[in-house]
Amino acid sequence: MPAKDQINSSLSTSGLSGSIHVLVVDDLRVNYLLVKAMLGKFNAHVSFCDSGFKAVEHIRNGSKTDIVLMDFNMPGIDGTETTERIKAIDPSIPVISLSTFTDSPSFDKNGSVYDGYISKPVNPELLIEEITRILLNR
């Protein structure tokens, strides 16, 4: 089964009606545009916040969000603190860290608040697999 059919089938089965709402949090707009292009063929609704503060407000305001793709290294509040704040508002929202810092001692991929992580540059197939895995297991 092609990847598009597989994820849409998986998402429909999971009760997400074949369309997911993804929030990309990254201080670089180009990273959002890349993720949006990767997810565009899957009928995903992709929103963007360029700071942790804006992401927390996005969630606090009740904007529909099925999953968050979070940059780890951002000015202001980093991805970990942003994720902690999001989880304090709604612990059911899964967060995947997208980062070039996954080998850094300051990034604890095993004990962190993230539900998953992917190293940058992001592999599109890996991103789809990780989103599907997390959404089907929640």
N, C-alpha and C. Protein backbone atom coordinates (compact mmCIF):
# COMPACT_ATOMS: atom_id res chain seq x y z
N MET A 1 0.86 -1.18 0.00
CA MET A 1 0.00 0.00 0.00
C MET A 1 0.90 1.24 0.00
N PRO A 2 0.67 2.21 -0.89
CA PRO A 2 1.47 3.43 -0.90
C PRO A 2 1.39 4.16 0.44
N ALA A 3 2.44 4.90 0.77
CA ALA A 3 2.52 5.58 2.06
C ALA A 3 1.32 6.48 2.32
N LYS A 4 0.87 7.23 1.30
CA LYS A 4 -0.26 8.14 1.47
C LYS A 4 -1.51 7.37 1.86
N ASP A 5 -1.79 6.28 1.16
CA ASP A 5 -2.97 5.47 1.47
C ASP A 5 -2.85 4.85 2.85
N GLN A 6 -1.64 4.41 3.20
CA GLN A 6 -1.42 3.78 4.50
C GLN A 6 -1.66 4.76 5.64
N ILE A 7 -1.10 5.95 5.55
CA ILE A 7 -1.29 6.90 6.66
C ILE A 7 -2.73 7.37 6.71
N ASN A 8 -3.36 7.64 5.55
CA ASN A 8 -4.75 8.08 5.58
C ASN A 8 -5.65 6.99 6.13
N SER A 9 -5.38 5.74 5.78
CA SER A 9 -6.13 4.61 6.32
C SER A 9 -5.91 4.49 7.83
N SER A 10 -4.64 4.60 8.24
CA SER A 10 -4.30 4.51 9.67
C SER A 10 -4.95 5.63 10.46
N LEU A 11 -4.93 6.83 9.90
CA LEU A 11 -5.51 7.96 10.60
C LEU A 11 -7.02 7.83 10.69
N SER A 12 -7.65 7.34 9.64
CA SER A 12 -9.11 7.14 9.67
C SER A 12 -9.47 6.12 10.73
N THR A 13 -8.70 5.04 10.79
CA THR A 13 -8.94 3.99 11.77
C THR A 13 -8.77 4.51 13.19
N SER A 14 -7.84 5.45 13.36
CA SER A 14 -7.57 5.97 14.70
C SER A 14 -8.59 7.01 15.15
N GLY A 15 -9.56 7.32 14.30
CA GLY A 15 -10.59 8.27 14.68
C GLY A 15 -10.24 9.70 14.34
N LEU A 16 -9.19 9.91 13.55
CA LEU A 16 -8.80 11.26 13.19
C LEU A 16 -9.37 11.67 11.84
N SER A 17 -10.27 10.87 11.31
CA SER A 17 -11.01 11.13 10.06
C SER A 17 -10.13 11.52 8.88
N GLY A 18 -8.95 10.92 8.79
CA GLY A 18 -8.11 11.09 7.62
C GLY A 18 -7.41 12.43 7.50
N SER A 19 -7.56 13.29 8.46
CA SER A 19 -6.90 14.59 8.40
C SER A 19 -6.41 14.95 9.79
N ILE A 20 -5.15 15.37 9.87
CA ILE A 20 -4.59 15.71 11.17
C ILE A 20 -4.21 17.19 11.20
N HIS A 21 -4.21 17.73 12.41
CA HIS A 21 -3.81 19.12 12.64
C HIS A 21 -2.43 19.09 13.30
N VAL A 22 -1.46 19.58 12.57
CA VAL A 22 -0.06 19.56 13.01
C VAL A 22 0.38 20.99 13.29
N LEU A 23 0.99 21.19 14.45
CA LEU A 23 1.58 22.48 14.78
C LEU A 23 3.09 22.35 14.68
N VAL A 24 3.71 23.15 13.83
CA VAL A 24 5.16 23.19 13.70
C VAL A 24 5.66 24.41 14.47
N VAL A 25 6.56 24.16 15.42
CA VAL A 25 7.14 25.23 16.22
C VAL A 25 8.62 25.29 15.91
N ASP A 26 9.02 26.36 15.24
CA ASP A 26 10.42 26.49 14.82
C ASP A 26 10.69 27.97 14.56
N ASP A 27 11.85 28.44 14.98
CA ASP A 27 12.16 29.85 14.75
C ASP A 27 12.55 30.13 13.30
N LEU A 28 12.72 29.09 12.50
CA LEU A 28 13.04 29.27 11.08
C LEU A 28 11.85 28.85 10.22
N ARG A 29 11.28 29.82 9.53
CA ARG A 29 10.10 29.55 8.69
C ARG A 29 10.38 28.50 7.62
N VAL A 30 11.59 28.44 7.12
CA VAL A 30 11.92 27.47 6.07
C VAL A 30 11.70 26.04 6.55
N ASN A 31 11.94 25.77 7.83
CA ASN A 31 11.71 24.43 8.37
C ASN A 31 10.22 24.10 8.37
N TYR A 32 9.40 25.08 8.69
CA TYR A 32 7.94 24.91 8.62
C TYR A 32 7.52 24.60 7.19
N LEU A 33 8.04 25.34 6.23
CA LEU A 33 7.66 25.14 4.84
C LEU A 33 8.06 23.75 4.34
N LEU A 34 9.21 23.26 4.79
CA LEU A 34 9.64 21.91 4.42
C LEU A 34 8.70 20.86 4.99
N VAL A 35 8.36 20.99 6.26
CA VAL A 35 7.44 20.03 6.89
C VAL A 35 6.07 20.11 6.24
N LYS A 36 5.62 21.30 5.96
CA LYS A 36 4.31 21.47 5.31
C LYS A 36 4.30 20.77 3.96
N ALA A 37 5.38 20.90 3.21
CA ALA A 37 5.47 20.23 1.91
C ALA A 37 5.47 18.71 2.09
N MET A 38 6.17 18.22 3.12
CA MET A 38 6.22 16.77 3.38
C MET A 38 4.84 16.22 3.73
N LEU A 39 4.06 16.99 4.48
CA LEU A 39 2.77 16.51 4.97
C LEU A 39 1.60 16.90 4.09
N GLY A 40 1.83 17.78 3.13
CA GLY A 40 0.76 18.29 2.29
C GLY A 40 -0.03 17.22 1.56
N LYS A 41 0.63 16.18 1.11
CA LYS A 41 -0.06 15.13 0.36
C LYS A 41 -0.91 14.22 1.25
N PHE A 42 -0.83 14.42 2.55
CA PHE A 42 -1.60 13.60 3.49
C PHE A 42 -2.82 14.33 4.04
N ASN A 43 -3.21 15.43 3.41
CA ASN A 43 -4.37 16.16 3.86
C ASN A 43 -4.19 16.76 5.26
N ALA A 44 -2.95 16.97 5.66
CA ALA A 44 -2.69 17.53 6.99
C ALA A 44 -2.93 19.03 6.98
N HIS A 45 -3.49 19.52 8.08
CA HIS A 45 -3.62 20.96 8.30
C HIS A 45 -2.39 21.35 9.13
N VAL A 46 -1.52 22.15 8.56
CA VAL A 46 -0.26 22.48 9.21
C VAL A 46 -0.26 23.95 9.60
N SER A 47 -0.08 24.19 10.90
CA SER A 47 0.00 25.55 11.45
C SER A 47 1.44 25.81 11.86
N PHE A 48 1.77 27.09 12.06
CA PHE A 48 3.14 27.47 12.35
C PHE A 48 3.20 28.51 13.46
N CYS A 49 4.11 28.29 14.38
CA CYS A 49 4.46 29.29 15.39
C CYS A 49 5.97 29.43 15.38
N ASP A 50 6.46 30.67 15.37
CA ASP A 50 7.91 30.87 15.28
C ASP A 50 8.59 31.06 16.64
N SER A 51 7.86 30.77 17.71
CA SER A 51 8.47 30.84 19.04
C SER A 51 7.70 29.93 20.00
N GLY A 52 8.37 29.56 21.07
CA GLY A 52 7.71 28.76 22.09
C GLY A 52 6.56 29.50 22.74
N PHE A 53 6.73 30.80 22.93
CA PHE A 53 5.67 31.59 23.55
C PHE A 53 4.39 31.56 22.71
N LYS A 54 4.55 31.72 21.39
CA LYS A 54 3.39 31.69 20.49
C LYS A 54 2.75 30.30 20.46
N ALA A 55 3.57 29.26 20.55
CA ALA A 55 3.03 27.89 20.55
C ALA A 55 2.19 27.64 21.79
N VAL A 56 2.66 28.10 22.93
CA VAL A 56 1.90 27.94 24.17
C VAL A 56 0.56 28.68 24.06
N GLU A 57 0.57 29.87 23.51
CA GLU A 57 -0.68 30.63 23.31
C GLU A 57 -1.61 29.90 22.33
N HIS A 58 -1.05 29.34 21.28
CA HIS A 58 -1.82 28.59 20.29
C HIS A 58 -2.60 27.46 20.98
N ILE A 59 -1.92 26.74 21.84
CA ILE A 59 -2.56 25.63 22.57
C ILE A 59 -3.54 26.18 23.61
N ARG A 60 -3.13 27.19 24.35
CA ARG A 60 -3.98 27.79 25.39
C ARG A 60 -5.29 28.32 24.79
N ASN A 61 -5.23 28.82 23.56
CA ASN A 61 -6.41 29.36 22.90
C ASN A 61 -7.33 28.27 22.35
N GLY A 62 -6.94 27.01 22.52
CA GLY A 62 -7.80 25.91 22.10
C GLY A 62 -7.75 25.58 20.63
N SER A 63 -6.73 26.03 19.93
CA SER A 63 -6.59 25.70 18.51
C SER A 63 -6.42 24.20 18.35
N LYS A 64 -7.16 23.62 17.41
CA LYS A 64 -7.12 22.17 17.21
C LYS A 64 -5.69 21.76 16.87
N THR A 65 -5.16 20.83 17.66
CA THR A 65 -3.80 20.34 17.46
C THR A 65 -3.77 18.86 17.83
N ASP A 66 -3.47 18.01 16.83
CA ASP A 66 -3.34 16.58 17.08
C ASP A 66 -1.92 16.19 17.46
N ILE A 67 -0.95 16.94 16.95
CA ILE A 67 0.45 16.64 17.24
C ILE A 67 1.29 17.90 17.00
N VAL A 68 2.38 18.03 17.76
CA VAL A 68 3.27 19.17 17.65
C VAL A 68 4.64 18.68 17.19
N LEU A 69 5.22 19.37 16.22
CA LEU A 69 6.60 19.12 15.79
C LEU A 69 7.41 20.29 16.30
N MET A 70 8.30 20.02 17.27
CA MET A 70 8.96 21.07 18.05
C MET A 70 10.45 21.14 17.77
N ASP A 71 10.92 22.32 17.41
CA ASP A 71 12.36 22.55 17.32
C ASP A 71 12.91 22.57 18.74
N PHE A 72 14.08 22.01 18.93
CA PHE A 72 14.68 21.94 20.26
C PHE A 72 15.36 23.25 20.63
N ASN A 73 16.11 23.83 19.70
CA ASN A 73 16.93 24.99 20.00
C ASN A 73 16.27 26.26 19.43
N MET A 74 15.61 27.02 20.30
CA MET A 74 14.95 28.26 19.89
C MET A 74 15.28 29.35 20.88
N PRO A 75 15.28 30.61 20.42
CA PRO A 75 15.48 31.73 21.35
C PRO A 75 14.26 31.89 22.25
N GLY A 76 14.46 32.54 23.38
CA GLY A 76 13.34 32.74 24.32
C GLY A 76 13.22 31.52 25.21
N ILE A 77 12.24 30.70 24.94
CA ILE A 77 12.14 29.42 25.65
C ILE A 77 12.41 28.31 24.64
N ASP A 78 13.23 27.35 25.05
CA ASP A 78 13.60 26.29 24.12
C ASP A 78 12.47 25.27 23.97
N GLY A 79 12.71 24.27 23.13
CA GLY A 79 11.69 23.28 22.84
C GLY A 79 11.26 22.47 24.05
N THR A 80 12.19 22.17 24.93
CA THR A 80 11.85 21.37 26.11
C THR A 80 10.92 22.15 27.03
N GLU A 81 11.26 23.38 27.32
CA GLU A 81 10.40 24.20 28.20
C GLU A 81 9.04 24.45 27.54
N THR A 82 9.05 24.70 26.24
CA THR A 82 7.78 24.90 25.52
C THR A 82 6.92 23.65 25.63
N THR A 83 7.54 22.50 25.43
CA THR A 83 6.81 21.24 25.52
C THR A 83 6.24 21.04 26.92
N GLU A 84 7.02 21.34 27.94
CA GLU A 84 6.53 21.22 29.33
C GLU A 84 5.31 22.11 29.55
N ARG A 85 5.35 23.32 29.01
CA ARG A 85 4.22 24.25 29.16
C ARG A 85 2.99 23.75 28.39
N ILE A 86 3.21 23.22 27.20
CA ILE A 86 2.10 22.67 26.41
C ILE A 86 1.47 21.49 27.14
N LYS A 87 2.31 20.60 27.66
CA LYS A 87 1.81 19.41 28.36
C LYS A 87 1.08 19.80 29.65
N ALA A 88 1.46 20.93 30.26
CA ALA A 88 0.75 21.40 31.44
C ALA A 88 -0.66 21.85 31.08
N ILE A 89 -0.83 22.35 29.87
CA ILE A 89 -2.16 22.77 29.40
C ILE A 89 -2.97 21.56 28.95
N ASP A 90 -2.34 20.70 28.15
CA ASP A 90 -3.03 19.51 27.63
C ASP A 90 -2.03 18.38 27.47
N PRO A 91 -1.94 17.52 28.47
CA PRO A 91 -0.96 16.43 28.44
C PRO A 91 -1.22 15.39 27.35
N SER A 92 -2.39 15.43 26.73
CA SER A 92 -2.70 14.44 25.70
C SER A 92 -2.11 14.79 24.33
N ILE A 93 -1.61 16.01 24.16
CA ILE A 93 -1.03 16.40 22.87
C ILE A 93 0.38 15.85 22.76
N PRO A 94 0.62 14.97 21.78
CA PRO A 94 1.98 14.44 21.62
C PRO A 94 2.89 15.46 20.95
N VAL A 95 4.16 15.43 21.35
CA VAL A 95 5.15 16.36 20.82
C VAL A 95 6.37 15.56 20.33
N ILE A 96 6.74 15.81 19.07
CA ILE A 96 7.95 15.21 18.50
C ILE A 96 8.98 16.32 18.37
N SER A 97 10.17 16.07 18.87
CA SER A 97 11.26 17.03 18.72
C SER A 97 11.93 16.82 17.37
N LEU A 98 12.10 17.90 16.64
CA LEU A 98 12.86 17.88 15.39
C LEU A 98 14.10 18.72 15.66
N SER A 99 15.27 18.08 15.66
CA SER A 99 16.43 18.82 16.11
C SER A 99 17.73 18.31 15.52
N THR A 100 18.66 19.22 15.37
CA THR A 100 20.03 18.83 15.01
C THR A 100 20.83 18.53 16.28
N PHE A 101 20.23 18.74 17.44
CA PHE A 101 20.94 18.60 18.71
C PHE A 101 20.63 17.29 19.43
N THR A 102 20.14 16.27 18.74
CA THR A 102 19.74 15.03 19.43
C THR A 102 20.93 14.26 20.00
N ASP A 103 22.15 14.60 19.60
CA ASP A 103 23.33 13.95 20.19
C ASP A 103 23.95 14.80 21.30
N SER A 104 23.40 15.96 21.54
CA SER A 104 23.91 16.87 22.56
C SER A 104 23.54 16.36 23.95
N PRO A 105 24.45 16.51 24.92
CA PRO A 105 24.13 16.11 26.30
C PRO A 105 22.92 16.86 26.87
N SER A 106 22.63 18.05 26.36
CA SER A 106 21.49 18.81 26.87
C SER A 106 20.16 18.29 26.33
N PHE A 107 20.22 17.40 25.34
CA PHE A 107 19.00 16.81 24.78
C PHE A 107 18.88 15.39 25.30
N ASP A 108 17.96 15.17 26.21
CA ASP A 108 17.76 13.85 26.81
C ASP A 108 16.58 13.17 26.12
N LYS A 109 16.87 12.39 25.08
CA LYS A 109 15.81 11.77 24.30
C LYS A 109 15.11 10.65 25.04
N ASN A 110 15.71 10.08 26.06
CA ASN A 110 15.09 8.98 26.79
C ASN A 110 14.21 9.43 27.94
N GLY A 111 14.61 10.46 28.66
CA GLY A 111 13.85 10.89 29.83
C GLY A 111 13.14 12.21 29.62
N SER A 112 13.12 12.68 28.40
CA SER A 112 12.57 14.01 28.15
C SER A 112 11.05 14.00 28.09
N VAL A 113 10.51 15.16 27.89
CA VAL A 113 9.06 15.33 27.82
C VAL A 113 8.51 15.01 26.43
N TYR A 114 9.41 14.75 25.48
CA TYR A 114 8.98 14.49 24.11
C TYR A 114 8.42 13.08 23.96
N ASP A 115 7.46 12.95 23.06
CA ASP A 115 6.89 11.64 22.75
C ASP A 115 7.70 10.93 21.66
N GLY A 116 8.55 11.67 20.99
CA GLY A 116 9.41 11.13 19.95
C GLY A 116 10.39 12.18 19.51
N TYR A 117 11.35 11.77 18.72
CA TYR A 117 12.31 12.74 18.19
C TYR A 117 12.80 12.27 16.83
N ILE A 118 13.15 13.25 16.01
CA ILE A 118 13.72 12.99 14.70
C ILE A 118 14.84 14.01 14.50
N SER A 119 15.97 13.52 14.03
CA SER A 119 17.09 14.41 13.75
C SER A 119 16.88 15.17 12.45
N LYS A 120 17.34 16.41 12.43
CA LYS A 120 17.34 17.19 11.20
C LYS A 120 18.64 16.90 10.46
N PRO A 121 18.65 16.90 9.14
CA PRO A 121 17.52 17.15 8.26
C PRO A 121 16.51 16.01 8.35
N VAL A 122 15.25 16.38 8.28
CA VAL A 122 14.15 15.44 8.49
C VAL A 122 13.96 14.57 7.24
N ASN A 123 13.93 13.27 7.47
CA ASN A 123 13.60 12.31 6.42
C ASN A 123 12.08 12.22 6.35
N PRO A 124 11.47 12.51 5.20
CA PRO A 124 10.00 12.52 5.10
C PRO A 124 9.34 11.20 5.49
N GLU A 125 9.90 10.09 5.07
CA GLU A 125 9.31 8.79 5.41
C GLU A 125 9.38 8.53 6.91
N LEU A 126 10.50 8.90 7.52
CA LEU A 126 10.66 8.73 8.96
C LEU A 126 9.67 9.62 9.72
N LEU A 127 9.46 10.82 9.23
CA LEU A 127 8.52 11.73 9.87
C LEU A 127 7.11 11.14 9.83
N ILE A 128 6.69 10.65 8.68
CA ILE A 128 5.36 10.05 8.55
C ILE A 128 5.23 8.83 9.45
N GLU A 129 6.26 7.99 9.48
CA GLU A 129 6.23 6.80 10.34
C GLU A 129 6.09 7.18 11.81
N GLU A 130 6.84 8.19 12.25
CA GLU A 130 6.83 8.60 13.66
C GLU A 130 5.48 9.22 14.03
N ILE A 131 4.94 10.07 13.16
CA ILE A 131 3.63 10.66 13.43
C ILE A 131 2.57 9.57 13.51
N THR A 132 2.59 8.64 12.56
CA THR A 132 1.62 7.55 12.56
C THR A 132 1.75 6.70 13.82
N ARG A 133 2.99 6.34 14.17
CA ARG A 133 3.22 5.52 15.37
C ARG A 133 2.65 6.19 16.61
N ILE A 134 2.94 7.47 16.77
CA ILE A 134 2.50 8.18 17.97
C ILE A 134 0.98 8.35 18.01
N LEU A 135 0.40 8.75 16.89
CA LEU A 135 -1.05 8.99 16.87
C LEU A 135 -1.84 7.69 17.02
N LEU A 136 -1.31 6.60 16.52
CA LEU A 136 -2.04 5.32 16.64
C LEU A 136 -1.89 4.71 18.03
N ASN A 137 -0.89 5.14 18.78
CA ASN A 137 -0.65 4.57 20.12
C ASN A 137 -1.13 5.45 21.25
N ARG A 138 -1.84 6.52 20.96
CA ARG A 138 -2.28 7.37 22.08
C ARG A 138 -3.67 7.03 22.51
